Amino acid sequence: MNKLSLFFLFVLLATFLNAAVYKGQRVFVKECLTCHKDGLELLASKDMKAWGALMDKQGSELAEVHLKDIRAEDSWSYFSGALYIKKSKHLRQFLVEYARDSGNIPTLD
């Protein structure tokens, strides 16, 4: 394989493996806004570093927060399931992108 082919293969793989903010926004709207009605307030509750720390290790800390809270009982099946783990990289990207100190404001529709 020549260097140019190898470069294009790398770019293609990187595109598929990277998290996408728009996918994270879909997850946020579908899964988070059902309980957290004011999504903008929730996003602004933490800075980029704090959201990143909560979403480390495939979002295990954020899941743990929800699984320990009786008020979050409706979301327990989601946070303990494989779908959350699968989509956590996208949710992480979205949460960090629109954190309090990011300077970005999403449209939640």
N, C-alpha and C. Protein backbone atom coordinates (compact mmCIF):
# COMPACT_ATOMS: atom_id res chain seq x y z
N MET A 1 0.85 -1.18 0.00
CA MET A 1 0.00 0.00 0.00
C MET A 1 0.89 1.24 0.00
N ASN A 2 0.59 2.16 -0.86
CA ASN A 2 1.41 3.36 -0.88
C ASN A 2 0.96 4.32 0.21
N LYS A 3 1.73 5.37 0.42
CA LYS A 3 1.47 6.30 1.52
C LYS A 3 0.15 7.04 1.34
N LEU A 4 -0.21 7.37 0.11
CA LEU A 4 -1.45 8.09 -0.14
C LEU A 4 -2.66 7.22 0.20
N SER A 5 -2.64 5.96 -0.18
CA SER A 5 -3.73 5.05 0.15
C SER A 5 -3.84 4.85 1.65
N LEU A 6 -2.72 4.73 2.30
CA LEU A 6 -2.70 4.57 3.75
C LEU A 6 -3.27 5.81 4.44
N PHE A 7 -2.95 6.98 3.93
CA PHE A 7 -3.48 8.23 4.49
C PHE A 7 -5.00 8.28 4.36
N PHE A 8 -5.53 7.95 3.18
CA PHE A 8 -6.98 7.98 2.98
C PHE A 8 -7.69 6.94 3.84
N LEU A 9 -7.07 5.80 4.03
CA LEU A 9 -7.63 4.78 4.91
C LEU A 9 -7.68 5.29 6.35
N PHE A 10 -6.63 5.96 6.78
CA PHE A 10 -6.60 6.54 8.12
C PHE A 10 -7.69 7.59 8.29
N VAL A 11 -7.84 8.48 7.33
CA VAL A 11 -8.86 9.53 7.39
C VAL A 11 -10.25 8.91 7.44
N LEU A 12 -10.49 7.89 6.65
CA LEU A 12 -11.78 7.21 6.63
C LEU A 12 -12.08 6.57 7.98
N LEU A 13 -11.12 5.88 8.54
CA LEU A 13 -11.30 5.26 9.86
C LEU A 13 -11.51 6.30 10.95
N ALA A 14 -10.77 7.37 10.90
CA ALA A 14 -10.90 8.43 11.90
C ALA A 14 -12.29 9.06 11.83
N THR A 15 -12.82 9.19 10.65
CA THR A 15 -14.15 9.76 10.49
C THR A 15 -15.21 8.87 11.13
N PHE A 16 -15.10 7.58 10.95
CA PHE A 16 -16.08 6.66 11.51
C PHE A 16 -15.95 6.49 13.02
N LEU A 17 -14.76 6.63 13.54
CA LEU A 17 -14.53 6.38 14.96
C LEU A 17 -14.74 7.61 15.84
N ASN A 18 -14.70 8.79 15.25
CA ASN A 18 -14.85 10.01 16.04
C ASN A 18 -16.28 10.21 16.49
N ALA A 19 -16.40 10.86 17.62
CA ALA A 19 -17.72 11.21 18.14
C ALA A 19 -18.25 12.41 17.37
N ALA A 20 -19.56 12.51 17.31
CA ALA A 20 -20.19 13.60 16.59
C ALA A 20 -21.11 14.38 17.53
N VAL A 21 -20.94 15.69 17.51
CA VAL A 21 -21.75 16.56 18.37
C VAL A 21 -23.23 16.42 18.04
N TYR A 22 -23.56 16.37 16.74
CA TYR A 22 -24.98 16.28 16.37
C TYR A 22 -25.61 14.98 16.85
N LYS A 23 -24.85 13.90 16.89
CA LYS A 23 -25.39 12.64 17.42
C LYS A 23 -25.59 12.75 18.93
N GLY A 24 -24.67 13.42 19.60
CA GLY A 24 -24.81 13.64 21.03
C GLY A 24 -26.00 14.51 21.36
N GLN A 25 -26.29 15.47 20.48
CA GLN A 25 -27.46 16.32 20.68
C GLN A 25 -28.74 15.50 20.57
N ARG A 26 -28.77 14.58 19.63
CA ARG A 26 -29.94 13.69 19.50
C ARG A 26 -30.15 12.87 20.77
N VAL A 27 -29.07 12.34 21.30
CA VAL A 27 -29.14 11.56 22.54
C VAL A 27 -29.64 12.45 23.68
N PHE A 28 -29.08 13.65 23.78
CA PHE A 28 -29.45 14.58 24.84
C PHE A 28 -30.94 14.92 24.77
N VAL A 29 -31.42 15.24 23.60
CA VAL A 29 -32.83 15.61 23.44
C VAL A 29 -33.74 14.42 23.75
N LYS A 30 -33.37 13.26 23.26
CA LYS A 30 -34.22 12.08 23.44
C LYS A 30 -34.19 11.52 24.86
N GLU A 31 -33.01 11.46 25.45
CA GLU A 31 -32.86 10.77 26.73
C GLU A 31 -32.81 11.70 27.95
N CYS A 32 -32.27 12.88 27.80
CA CYS A 32 -32.04 13.74 28.97
C CYS A 32 -33.18 14.73 29.21
N LEU A 33 -33.75 15.26 28.14
CA LEU A 33 -34.77 16.29 28.31
C LEU A 33 -36.08 15.76 28.88
N THR A 34 -36.28 14.46 28.88
CA THR A 34 -37.51 13.92 29.48
C THR A 34 -37.53 14.19 30.98
N CYS A 35 -36.39 14.15 31.63
CA CYS A 35 -36.31 14.42 33.08
C CYS A 35 -35.80 15.83 33.36
N HIS A 36 -34.80 16.25 32.63
CA HIS A 36 -34.19 17.57 32.82
C HIS A 36 -34.84 18.53 31.83
N LYS A 37 -35.97 19.07 32.22
CA LYS A 37 -36.78 19.90 31.31
C LYS A 37 -36.02 21.10 30.76
N ASP A 38 -35.23 21.78 31.60
CA ASP A 38 -34.49 22.94 31.14
C ASP A 38 -33.08 22.49 30.72
N GLY A 39 -32.96 22.09 29.48
CA GLY A 39 -31.71 21.55 28.98
C GLY A 39 -30.57 22.55 28.98
N LEU A 40 -30.87 23.81 28.69
CA LEU A 40 -29.81 24.82 28.68
C LEU A 40 -29.23 25.03 30.07
N GLU A 41 -30.10 24.99 31.07
CA GLU A 41 -29.63 25.13 32.45
C GLU A 41 -28.76 23.94 32.84
N LEU A 42 -29.16 22.76 32.43
CA LEU A 42 -28.37 21.56 32.71
C LEU A 42 -26.99 21.65 32.05
N LEU A 43 -26.95 22.04 30.79
CA LEU A 43 -25.67 22.15 30.09
C LEU A 43 -24.76 23.19 30.76
N ALA A 44 -25.34 24.28 31.23
CA ALA A 44 -24.56 25.35 31.84
C ALA A 44 -24.21 25.06 33.30
N SER A 45 -24.65 23.94 33.82
CA SER A 45 -24.37 23.63 35.22
C SER A 45 -22.94 23.18 35.46
N LYS A 46 -22.22 22.83 34.41
CA LYS A 46 -20.85 22.35 34.54
C LYS A 46 -19.97 22.96 33.46
N ASP A 47 -18.68 23.06 33.75
CA ASP A 47 -17.75 23.53 32.74
C ASP A 47 -17.24 22.34 31.92
N MET A 48 -16.43 22.63 30.93
CA MET A 48 -15.95 21.60 30.01
C MET A 48 -15.19 20.49 30.73
N LYS A 49 -14.36 20.89 31.68
CA LYS A 49 -13.57 19.91 32.42
C LYS A 49 -14.46 18.99 33.26
N ALA A 50 -15.48 19.56 33.90
CA ALA A 50 -16.38 18.76 34.73
C ALA A 50 -17.20 17.78 33.89
N TRP A 51 -17.73 18.25 32.74
CA TRP A 51 -18.47 17.32 31.87
C TRP A 51 -17.54 16.23 31.35
N GLY A 52 -16.32 16.60 31.00
CA GLY A 52 -15.37 15.60 30.52
C GLY A 52 -15.08 14.55 31.58
N ALA A 53 -14.93 14.98 32.82
CA ALA A 53 -14.65 14.04 33.92
C ALA A 53 -15.84 13.12 34.16
N LEU A 54 -17.06 13.66 34.10
CA LEU A 54 -18.25 12.83 34.29
C LEU A 54 -18.41 11.80 33.17
N MET A 55 -17.92 12.14 31.99
CA MET A 55 -18.10 11.25 30.84
C MET A 55 -16.89 10.37 30.56
N ASP A 56 -15.86 10.44 31.40
CA ASP A 56 -14.73 9.52 31.23
C ASP A 56 -15.19 8.08 31.40
N LYS A 57 -14.43 7.17 30.86
CA LYS A 57 -14.72 5.73 30.97
C LYS A 57 -16.13 5.42 30.48
N GLN A 58 -16.43 5.88 29.28
CA GLN A 58 -17.73 5.65 28.62
C GLN A 58 -18.90 6.14 29.46
N GLY A 59 -18.70 7.25 30.14
CA GLY A 59 -19.78 7.87 30.90
C GLY A 59 -20.16 7.14 32.17
N SER A 60 -19.26 6.34 32.71
CA SER A 60 -19.60 5.53 33.89
C SER A 60 -19.94 6.39 35.11
N GLU A 61 -19.28 7.53 35.26
CA GLU A 61 -19.58 8.38 36.43
C GLU A 61 -20.96 9.03 36.32
N LEU A 62 -21.32 9.48 35.13
CA LEU A 62 -22.65 10.06 34.94
C LEU A 62 -23.73 9.00 35.16
N ALA A 63 -23.48 7.80 34.66
CA ALA A 63 -24.42 6.70 34.88
C ALA A 63 -24.56 6.40 36.36
N GLU A 64 -23.45 6.39 37.07
CA GLU A 64 -23.47 6.10 38.50
C GLU A 64 -24.28 7.13 39.28
N VAL A 65 -24.14 8.40 38.90
CA VAL A 65 -24.92 9.46 39.55
C VAL A 65 -26.41 9.19 39.39
N HIS A 66 -26.82 8.81 38.20
CA HIS A 66 -28.24 8.55 37.94
C HIS A 66 -28.72 7.27 38.61
N LEU A 67 -27.88 6.25 38.61
CA LEU A 67 -28.28 4.96 39.19
C LEU A 67 -28.38 5.00 40.71
N LYS A 68 -27.73 5.97 41.34
CA LYS A 68 -27.80 6.10 42.80
C LYS A 68 -28.92 7.01 43.26
N ASP A 69 -29.54 7.71 42.33
CA ASP A 69 -30.58 8.70 42.68
C ASP A 69 -31.97 8.12 42.43
N ILE A 70 -32.77 8.01 43.47
CA ILE A 70 -34.12 7.44 43.35
C ILE A 70 -35.00 8.29 42.44
N ARG A 71 -34.71 9.60 42.36
CA ARG A 71 -35.49 10.47 41.48
C ARG A 71 -35.24 10.17 40.01
N ALA A 72 -34.17 9.48 39.70
CA ALA A 72 -33.82 9.14 38.32
C ALA A 72 -34.22 7.71 37.96
N GLU A 73 -35.14 7.15 38.71
CA GLU A 73 -35.52 5.75 38.51
C GLU A 73 -36.00 5.47 37.08
N ASP A 74 -36.67 6.42 36.46
CA ASP A 74 -37.15 6.23 35.09
C ASP A 74 -36.01 6.04 34.09
N SER A 75 -34.83 6.50 34.43
CA SER A 75 -33.70 6.40 33.50
C SER A 75 -32.74 5.25 33.82
N TRP A 76 -33.01 4.49 34.85
CA TRP A 76 -32.09 3.42 35.25
C TRP A 76 -31.86 2.40 34.15
N SER A 77 -32.89 2.02 33.45
CA SER A 77 -32.71 1.01 32.39
C SER A 77 -31.81 1.55 31.28
N TYR A 78 -31.92 2.83 30.97
CA TYR A 78 -31.08 3.43 29.94
C TYR A 78 -29.62 3.48 30.39
N PHE A 79 -29.37 3.97 31.60
CA PHE A 79 -28.00 4.13 32.05
C PHE A 79 -27.31 2.82 32.38
N SER A 80 -28.05 1.76 32.56
CA SER A 80 -27.43 0.46 32.81
C SER A 80 -27.38 -0.40 31.55
N GLY A 81 -27.81 0.13 30.43
CA GLY A 81 -27.87 -0.64 29.20
C GLY A 81 -26.70 -0.38 28.26
N ALA A 82 -26.63 -1.21 27.24
CA ALA A 82 -25.55 -1.12 26.25
C ALA A 82 -25.70 0.10 25.34
N LEU A 83 -26.92 0.57 25.14
CA LEU A 83 -27.14 1.72 24.27
C LEU A 83 -26.46 2.97 24.83
N TYR A 84 -26.52 3.15 26.14
CA TYR A 84 -25.86 4.30 26.76
C TYR A 84 -24.35 4.23 26.53
N ILE A 85 -23.77 3.08 26.75
CA ILE A 85 -22.33 2.91 26.57
C ILE A 85 -21.95 3.17 25.12
N LYS A 86 -22.75 2.67 24.20
CA LYS A 86 -22.48 2.84 22.77
C LYS A 86 -22.51 4.31 22.36
N LYS A 87 -23.45 5.07 22.90
CA LYS A 87 -23.63 6.46 22.47
C LYS A 87 -22.97 7.47 23.40
N SER A 88 -22.29 7.00 24.43
CA SER A 88 -21.70 7.91 25.42
C SER A 88 -20.64 8.83 24.81
N LYS A 89 -19.89 8.36 23.81
CA LYS A 89 -18.87 9.22 23.22
C LYS A 89 -19.50 10.42 22.51
N HIS A 90 -20.66 10.21 21.91
CA HIS A 90 -21.35 11.32 21.24
C HIS A 90 -21.94 12.29 22.28
N LEU A 91 -22.52 11.74 23.33
CA LEU A 91 -23.07 12.57 24.39
C LEU A 91 -21.97 13.39 25.05
N ARG A 92 -20.83 12.77 25.27
CA ARG A 92 -19.69 13.48 25.86
C ARG A 92 -19.29 14.66 24.99
N GLN A 93 -19.19 14.43 23.70
CA GLN A 93 -18.80 15.48 22.76
C GLN A 93 -19.79 16.65 22.82
N PHE A 94 -21.08 16.33 22.88
CA PHE A 94 -22.11 17.37 22.95
C PHE A 94 -22.04 18.14 24.26
N LEU A 95 -21.93 17.43 25.38
CA LEU A 95 -21.90 18.09 26.69
C LEU A 95 -20.69 19.01 26.82
N VAL A 96 -19.55 18.58 26.34
CA VAL A 96 -18.34 19.40 26.42
C VAL A 96 -18.45 20.59 25.45
N GLU A 97 -18.99 20.36 24.28
CA GLU A 97 -19.13 21.42 23.27
C GLU A 97 -20.00 22.58 23.76
N TYR A 98 -21.01 22.26 24.57
CA TYR A 98 -21.95 23.29 25.02
C TYR A 98 -21.91 23.51 26.54
N ALA A 99 -20.77 23.24 27.13
CA ALA A 99 -20.59 23.47 28.58
C ALA A 99 -20.62 24.96 28.89
N ARG A 100 -20.71 25.27 30.16
CA ARG A 100 -20.80 26.66 30.62
C ARG A 100 -19.69 27.54 30.07
N ASP A 101 -18.47 27.06 30.05
CA ASP A 101 -17.34 27.88 29.64
C ASP A 101 -16.95 27.72 28.17
N SER A 102 -17.80 27.07 27.37
CA SER A 102 -17.47 26.87 25.97
C SER A 102 -17.79 28.07 25.09
N GLY A 103 -18.75 28.88 25.51
CA GLY A 103 -19.16 30.02 24.70
C GLY A 103 -20.17 29.65 23.62
N ASN A 104 -20.59 28.40 23.58
CA ASN A 104 -21.55 27.93 22.58
C ASN A 104 -22.93 27.75 23.22
N ILE A 105 -23.96 28.00 22.44
CA ILE A 105 -25.33 27.81 22.90
C ILE A 105 -26.06 26.95 21.87
N PRO A 106 -26.56 25.79 22.29
CA PRO A 106 -27.24 24.91 21.33
C PRO A 106 -28.70 25.30 21.11
N THR A 107 -29.25 24.79 20.04
CA THR A 107 -30.69 24.85 19.85
C THR A 107 -31.20 23.45 20.16
N LEU A 108 -32.12 23.34 21.07
CA LEU A 108 -32.60 22.03 21.52
C LEU A 108 -33.96 21.73 20.93
N ASP A 109 -33.97 21.41 19.65
CA ASP A 109 -35.22 21.03 19.00
C ASP A 109 -35.05 19.79 18.19
